[in-house]
Amino acid sequence: MKRPSAGKPSPPASKPHRWDIYHIKGTPAALLGHVEAPDEESAIKRAIEEFKISPALQKRLLAQRRG
């Protein structure tokens, strides 16, 4: 029977999740689209690139994880 090594633990697999990206401009927020990313910060960065969000609007984005 093998024992786990005492070295560094293996990093968790960062499986991409689907994120809904919203532009917060009032109520209700506007859905811009969907992206796949491992975390919220990556999802927003990917949305900025994919949807060509102008710098003026980049601070008003919200990512909501789906599934």
PDB file of N, CA and C in Angstrom:
ATOM      1  N   MET A   1       0.849  -1.176   0.000  1.00  0.00           N
ATOM      2  CA  MET A   1       0.000   0.000   0.000  1.00  0.00           C
ATOM      3  C   MET A   1       0.893   1.238   0.000  1.00  0.00           C
ATOM      4  N   LYS A   2       0.632   2.164  -0.923  1.00  0.00           N
ATOM      5  CA  LYS A   2       1.448   3.374  -1.020  1.00  0.00           C
ATOM      6  C   LYS A   2       0.952   4.440  -0.064  1.00  0.00           C
ATOM      7  N   ARG A   3       1.898   5.174   0.489  1.00  0.00           N
ATOM      8  CA  ARG A   3       1.561   6.301   1.344  1.00  0.00           C
ATOM      9  C   ARG A   3       1.715   7.587   0.547  1.00  0.00           C
ATOM     10  N   PRO A   4       0.922   8.593   0.872  1.00  0.00           N
ATOM     11  CA  PRO A   4       1.091   9.867   0.182  1.00  0.00           C
ATOM     12  C   PRO A   4       2.452  10.468   0.522  1.00  0.00           C
ATOM     13  N   SER A   5       3.063  11.114  -0.437  1.00  0.00           N
ATOM     14  CA  SER A   5       4.377  11.715  -0.196  1.00  0.00           C
ATOM     15  C   SER A   5       4.252  12.880   0.787  1.00  0.00           C
ATOM     16  N   ALA A   6       5.303  13.123   1.518  1.00  0.00           N
ATOM     17  CA  ALA A   6       5.297  14.186   2.519  1.00  0.00           C
ATOM     18  C   ALA A   6       5.679  15.522   1.901  1.00  0.00           C
ATOM     19  N   GLY A   7       5.912  15.542   0.597  1.00  0.00           N
ATOM     20  CA  GLY A   7       6.283  16.778  -0.098  1.00  0.00           C
ATOM     21  C   GLY A   7       5.106  17.722  -0.236  1.00  0.00           C
ATOM     22  N   LYS A   8       5.206  18.593  -1.199  1.00  0.00           N
ATOM     23  CA  LYS A   8       4.147  19.575  -1.424  1.00  0.00           C
ATOM     24  C   LYS A   8       2.867  18.872  -1.871  1.00  0.00           C
ATOM     25  N   PRO A   9       1.744  19.346  -1.371  1.00  0.00           N
ATOM     26  CA  PRO A   9       0.488  18.767  -1.850  1.00  0.00           C
ATOM     27  C   PRO A   9       0.245  19.225  -3.285  1.00  0.00           C
ATOM     28  N   SER A  10      -0.411  18.383  -4.051  1.00  0.00           N
ATOM     29  CA  SER A  10      -0.677  18.753  -5.438  1.00  0.00           C
ATOM     30  C   SER A  10      -1.686  19.896  -5.475  1.00  0.00           C
ATOM     31  N   PRO A  11      -1.509  20.837  -6.403  1.00  0.00           N
ATOM     32  CA  PRO A  11      -2.442  21.960  -6.471  1.00  0.00           C
ATOM     33  C   PRO A  11      -3.815  21.476  -6.916  1.00  0.00           C
ATOM     34  N   PRO A  12      -4.868  22.104  -6.387  1.00  0.00           N
ATOM     35  CA  PRO A  12      -6.201  21.677  -6.797  1.00  0.00           C
ATOM     36  C   PRO A  12      -6.423  21.998  -8.275  1.00  0.00           C
ATOM     37  N   ALA A  13      -7.146  21.151  -8.938  1.00  0.00           N
ATOM     38  CA  ALA A  13      -7.432  21.374 -10.356  1.00  0.00           C
ATOM     39  C   ALA A  13      -8.374  22.567 -10.469  1.00  0.00           C
ATOM     40  N   SER A  14      -7.965  23.561 -11.223  1.00  0.00           N
ATOM     41  CA  SER A  14      -8.802  24.744 -11.382  1.00  0.00           C
ATOM     42  C   SER A  14      -9.695  24.557 -12.603  1.00  0.00           C
ATOM     43  N   LYS A  15     -10.769  23.836 -12.382  1.00  0.00           N
ATOM     44  CA  LYS A  15     -11.716  23.535 -13.441  1.00  0.00           C
ATOM     45  C   LYS A  15     -12.488  24.811 -13.778  1.00  0.00           C
ATOM     46  N   PRO A  16     -12.548  25.165 -15.055  1.00  0.00           N
ATOM     47  CA  PRO A  16     -13.282  26.387 -15.393  1.00  0.00           C
ATOM     48  C   PRO A  16     -14.779  26.240 -15.135  1.00  0.00           C
ATOM     49  N   HIS A  17     -15.370  27.314 -14.685  1.00  0.00           N
ATOM     50  CA  HIS A  17     -16.802  27.380 -14.435  1.00  0.00           C
ATOM     51  C   HIS A  17     -17.411  28.372 -15.406  1.00  0.00           C
ATOM     52  N   ARG A  18     -18.690  28.284 -15.571  1.00  0.00           N
ATOM     53  CA  ARG A  18     -19.378  29.245 -16.425  1.00  0.00           C
ATOM     54  C   ARG A  18     -19.806  30.437 -15.574  1.00  0.00           C
ATOM     55  N   TRP A  19     -19.544  31.630 -16.070  1.00  0.00           N
ATOM     56  CA  TRP A  19     -19.857  32.861 -15.355  1.00  0.00           C
ATOM     57  C   TRP A  19     -20.746  33.743 -16.220  1.00  0.00           C
ATOM     58  N   ASP A  20     -21.785  34.314 -15.623  1.00  0.00           N
ATOM     59  CA  ASP A  20     -22.591  35.336 -16.275  1.00  0.00           C
ATOM     60  C   ASP A  20     -21.938  36.672 -15.963  1.00  0.00           C
ATOM     61  N   ILE A  21     -21.783  37.511 -16.974  1.00  0.00           N
ATOM     62  CA  ILE A  21     -21.157  38.822 -16.787  1.00  0.00           C
ATOM     63  C   ILE A  21     -22.228  39.898 -16.942  1.00  0.00           C
ATOM     64  N   TYR A  22     -22.322  40.761 -15.929  1.00  0.00           N
ATOM     65  CA  TYR A  22     -23.308  41.837 -15.927  1.00  0.00           C
ATOM     66  C   TYR A  22     -22.608  43.190 -15.887  1.00  0.00           C
ATOM     67  N   HIS A  23     -23.241  44.168 -16.528  1.00  0.00           N
ATOM     68  CA  HIS A  23     -22.797  45.557 -16.401  1.00  0.00           C
ATOM     69  C   HIS A  23     -23.784  46.227 -15.460  1.00  0.00           C
ATOM     70  N   ILE A  24     -23.249  46.742 -14.354  1.00  0.00           N
ATOM     71  CA  ILE A  24     -24.105  47.366 -13.346  1.00  0.00           C
ATOM     72  C   ILE A  24     -24.254  48.831 -13.715  1.00  0.00           C
ATOM     73  N   LYS A  25     -25.421  49.173 -14.269  1.00  0.00           N
ATOM     74  CA  LYS A  25     -25.662  50.554 -14.655  1.00  0.00           C
ATOM     75  C   LYS A  25     -26.965  51.074 -14.065  1.00  0.00           C
ATOM     76  N   GLY A  26     -27.609  50.266 -13.321  1.00  0.00           N
ATOM     77  CA  GLY A  26     -28.881  50.623 -12.709  1.00  0.00           C
ATOM     78  C   GLY A  26     -29.615  49.350 -12.353  1.00  0.00           C
ATOM     79  N   THR A  27     -30.904  49.481 -12.125  1.00  0.00           N
ATOM     80  CA  THR A  27     -31.685  48.307 -11.790  1.00  0.00           C
ATOM     81  C   THR A  27     -32.619  48.027 -12.944  1.00  0.00           C
ATOM     82  N   PRO A  28     -32.628  46.897 -13.535  1.00  0.00           N
ATOM     83  CA  PRO A  28     -31.753  45.755 -13.280  1.00  0.00           C
ATOM     84  C   PRO A  28     -30.423  45.880 -14.016  1.00  0.00           C
ATOM     85  N   ALA A  29     -29.447  45.114 -13.573  1.00  0.00           N
ATOM     86  CA  ALA A  29     -28.140  45.090 -14.236  1.00  0.00           C
ATOM     87  C   ALA A  29     -28.303  44.424 -15.605  1.00  0.00           C
ATOM     88  N   ALA A  30     -27.483  44.854 -16.574  1.00  0.00           N
ATOM     89  CA  ALA A  30     -27.592  44.323 -17.938  1.00  0.00           C
ATOM     90  C   ALA A  30     -26.664  43.129 -18.128  1.00  0.00           C
ATOM     91  N   LEU A  31     -27.206  42.020 -18.595  1.00  0.00           N
ATOM     92  CA  LEU A  31     -26.411  40.825 -18.882  1.00  0.00           C
ATOM     93  C   LEU A  31     -25.647  41.053 -20.177  1.00  0.00           C
ATOM     94  N   LEU A  32     -24.308  40.945 -20.121  1.00  0.00           N
ATOM     95  CA  LEU A  32     -23.479  41.114 -21.307  1.00  0.00           C
ATOM     96  C   LEU A  32     -23.250  39.789 -22.021  1.00  0.00           C
ATOM     97  N   GLY A  33     -23.130  38.703 -21.258  1.00  0.00           N
ATOM     98  CA  GLY A  33     -22.891  37.397 -21.857  1.00  0.00           C
ATOM     99  C   GLY A  33     -22.301  36.434 -20.852  1.00  0.00           C
ATOM    100  N   HIS A  34     -21.713  35.353 -21.367  1.00  0.00           N
ATOM    101  CA  HIS A  34     -21.172  34.283 -20.534  1.00  0.00           C
ATOM    102  C   HIS A  34     -19.717  34.029 -20.907  1.00  0.00           C
ATOM    103  N   VAL A  35     -18.916  33.663 -19.907  1.00  0.00           N
ATOM    104  CA  VAL A  35     -17.520  33.273 -20.142  1.00  0.00           C
ATOM    105  C   VAL A  35     -17.212  32.043 -19.300  1.00  0.00           C
ATOM    106  N   GLU A  36     -16.142  31.344 -19.656  1.00  0.00           N
ATOM    107  CA  GLU A  36     -15.647  30.204 -18.869  1.00  0.00           C
ATOM    108  C   GLU A  36     -14.332  30.626 -18.235  1.00  0.00           C
ATOM    109  N   ALA A  37     -14.222  30.460 -16.915  1.00  0.00           N
ATOM    110  CA  ALA A  37     -13.014  30.832 -16.196  1.00  0.00           C
ATOM    111  C   ALA A  37     -12.986  30.108 -14.849  1.00  0.00           C
ATOM    112  N   PRO A  38     -11.784  29.952 -14.263  1.00  0.00           N
ATOM    113  CA  PRO A  38     -11.685  29.240 -12.984  1.00  0.00           C
ATOM    114  C   PRO A  38     -12.145  30.060 -11.774  1.00  0.00           C
ATOM    115  N   ASP A  39     -12.081  31.403 -11.861  1.00  0.00           N
ATOM    116  CA  ASP A  39     -12.491  32.233 -10.728  1.00  0.00           C
ATOM    117  C   ASP A  39     -13.092  33.549 -11.225  1.00  0.00           C
ATOM    118  N   GLU A  40     -13.637  34.323 -10.284  1.00  0.00           N
ATOM    119  CA  GLU A  40     -14.348  35.563 -10.630  1.00  0.00           C
ATOM    120  C   GLU A  40     -13.442  36.592 -11.302  1.00  0.00           C
ATOM    121  N   GLU A  41     -12.255  36.773 -10.761  1.00  0.00           N
ATOM    122  CA  GLU A  41     -11.326  37.758 -11.317  1.00  0.00           C
ATOM    123  C   GLU A  41     -10.954  37.405 -12.764  1.00  0.00           C
ATOM    124  N   SER A  42     -10.672  36.144 -13.006  1.00  0.00           N
ATOM    125  CA  SER A  42     -10.345  35.685 -14.363  1.00  0.00           C
ATOM    126  C   SER A  42     -11.545  35.853 -15.292  1.00  0.00           C
ATOM    127  N   ALA A  43     -12.732  35.621 -14.773  1.00  0.00           N
ATOM    128  CA  ALA A  43     -13.943  35.757 -15.586  1.00  0.00           C
ATOM    129  C   ALA A  43     -14.127  37.196 -16.042  1.00  0.00           C
ATOM    130  N   ILE A  44     -13.898  38.138 -15.150  1.00  0.00           N
ATOM    131  CA  ILE A  44     -14.045  39.551 -15.509  1.00  0.00           C
ATOM    132  C   ILE A  44     -12.978  39.953 -16.520  1.00  0.00           C
ATOM    133  N   LYS A  45     -11.741  39.499 -16.312  1.00  0.00           N
ATOM    134  CA  LYS A  45     -10.669  39.807 -17.273  1.00  0.00           C
ATOM    135  C   LYS A  45     -10.992  39.240 -18.649  1.00  0.00           C
ATOM    136  N   ARG A  46     -11.490  38.015 -18.682  1.00  0.00           N
ATOM    137  CA  ARG A  46     -11.829  37.390 -19.964  1.00  0.00           C
ATOM    138  C   ARG A  46     -12.988  38.134 -20.628  1.00  0.00           C
ATOM    139  N   ALA A  47     -13.971  38.562 -19.842  1.00  0.00           N
ATOM    140  CA  ALA A  47     -15.111  39.300 -20.394  1.00  0.00           C
ATOM    141  C   ALA A  47     -14.664  40.636 -20.992  1.00  0.00           C
ATOM    142  N   ILE A  48     -13.728  41.304 -20.334  1.00  0.00           N
ATOM    143  CA  ILE A  48     -13.212  42.581 -20.845  1.00  0.00           C
ATOM    144  C   ILE A  48     -12.597  42.374 -22.223  1.00  0.00           C
ATOM    145  N   GLU A  49     -11.844  41.301 -22.384  1.00  0.00           N
ATOM    146  CA  GLU A  49     -11.217  40.996 -23.677  1.00  0.00           C
ATOM    147  C   GLU A  49     -12.252  40.549 -24.710  1.00  0.00           C
ATOM    148  N   GLU A  50     -13.119  39.615 -24.314  1.00  0.00           N
ATOM    149  CA  GLU A  50     -14.076  39.026 -25.261  1.00  0.00           C
ATOM    150  C   GLU A  50     -15.114  40.031 -25.750  1.00  0.00           C
ATOM    151  N   PHE A  51     -15.640  40.833 -24.825  1.00  0.00           N
ATOM    152  CA  PHE A  51     -16.723  41.753 -25.157  1.00  0.00           C
ATOM    153  C   PHE A  51     -16.222  43.159 -25.460  1.00  0.00           C
ATOM    154  N   LYS A  52     -14.884  43.348 -25.450  1.00  0.00           N
ATOM    155  CA  LYS A  52     -14.259  44.642 -25.761  1.00  0.00           C
ATOM    156  C   LYS A  52     -14.877  45.778 -24.932  1.00  0.00           C
ATOM    157  N   ILE A  53     -14.807  45.602 -23.615  1.00  0.00           N
ATOM    158  CA  ILE A  53     -15.363  46.575 -22.675  1.00  0.00           C
ATOM    159  C   ILE A  53     -14.413  47.774 -22.583  1.00  0.00           C
ATOM    160  N   SER A  54     -14.940  48.970 -22.701  1.00  0.00           N
ATOM    161  CA  SER A  54     -14.108  50.171 -22.627  1.00  0.00           C
ATOM    162  C   SER A  54     -13.604  50.364 -21.191  1.00  0.00           C
ATOM    163  N   PRO A  55     -12.444  51.019 -21.027  1.00  0.00           N
ATOM    164  CA  PRO A  55     -11.890  51.229 -19.681  1.00  0.00           C
ATOM    165  C   PRO A  55     -12.851  51.964 -18.744  1.00  0.00           C
ATOM    166  N   ALA A  56     -13.678  52.827 -19.272  1.00  0.00           N
ATOM    167  CA  ALA A  56     -14.614  53.580 -18.438  1.00  0.00           C
ATOM    168  C   ALA A  56     -15.666  52.672 -17.783  1.00  0.00           C
ATOM    169  N   LEU A  57     -15.977  51.544 -18.415  1.00  0.00           N
ATOM    170  CA  LEU A  57     -17.024  50.657 -17.903  1.00  0.00           C
ATOM    171  C   LEU A  57     -16.490  49.439 -17.156  1.00  0.00           C
ATOM    172  N   GLN A  58     -15.177  49.230 -17.171  1.00  0.00           N
ATOM    173  CA  GLN A  58     -14.598  48.010 -16.603  1.00  0.00           C
ATOM    174  C   GLN A  58     -14.808  47.870 -15.102  1.00  0.00           C
ATOM    175  N   LYS A  59     -14.907  48.965 -14.390  1.00  0.00           N
ATOM    176  CA  LYS A  59     -15.081  48.886 -12.922  1.00  0.00           C
ATOM    177  C   LYS A  59     -16.520  48.590 -12.535  1.00  0.00           C
ATOM    178  N   ARG A  60     -17.415  48.550 -13.506  1.00  0.00           N
ATOM    179  CA  ARG A  60     -18.821  48.327 -13.203  1.00  0.00           C
ATOM    180  C   ARG A  60     -19.308  46.960 -13.693  1.00  0.00           C
ATOM    181  N   LEU A  61     -18.393  45.976 -13.660  1.00  0.00           N
ATOM    182  CA  LEU A  61     -18.737  44.614 -14.092  1.00  0.00           C
ATOM    183  C   LEU A  61     -18.917  43.698 -12.897  1.00  0.00           C
ATOM    184  N   LEU A  62     -19.802  42.745 -13.059  1.00  0.00           N
ATOM    185  CA  LEU A  62     -20.075  41.755 -12.023  1.00  0.00           C
ATOM    186  C   LEU A  62     -20.080  40.381 -12.678  1.00  0.00           C
ATOM    187  N   ALA A  63     -19.421  39.420 -12.034  1.00  0.00           N
ATOM    188  CA  ALA A  63     -19.414  38.042 -12.525  1.00  0.00           C
ATOM    189  C   ALA A  63     -20.176  37.179 -11.522  1.00  0.00           C
ATOM    190  N   GLN A  64     -21.134  36.400 -12.028  1.00  0.00           N
ATOM    191  CA  GLN A  64     -21.924  35.507 -11.187  1.00  0.00           C
ATOM    192  C   GLN A  64     -21.746  34.095 -11.691  1.00  0.00           C
ATOM    193  N   ARG A  65     -21.273  33.208 -10.816  1.00  0.00           N
ATOM    194  CA  ARG A  65     -20.985  31.828 -11.203  1.00  0.00           C
ATOM    195  C   ARG A  65     -22.255  31.034 -11.460  1.00  0.00           C
ATOM    196  N   ARG A  66     -22.215  30.261 -12.537  1.00  0.00           N
ATOM    197  CA  ARG A  66     -23.332  29.389 -12.900  1.00  0.00           C
ATOM    198  C   ARG A  66     -22.808  27.973 -13.028  1.00  0.00           C
ATOM    199  N   GLY A  67     -23.371  27.076 -12.261  1.00  0.00           N
ATOM    200  CA  GLY A  67     -23.033  25.665 -12.354  1.00  0.00           C
ATOM    201  C   GLY A  67     -21.652  25.390 -12.184  1.00  0.00           C
TER     202      GLY A  67
END
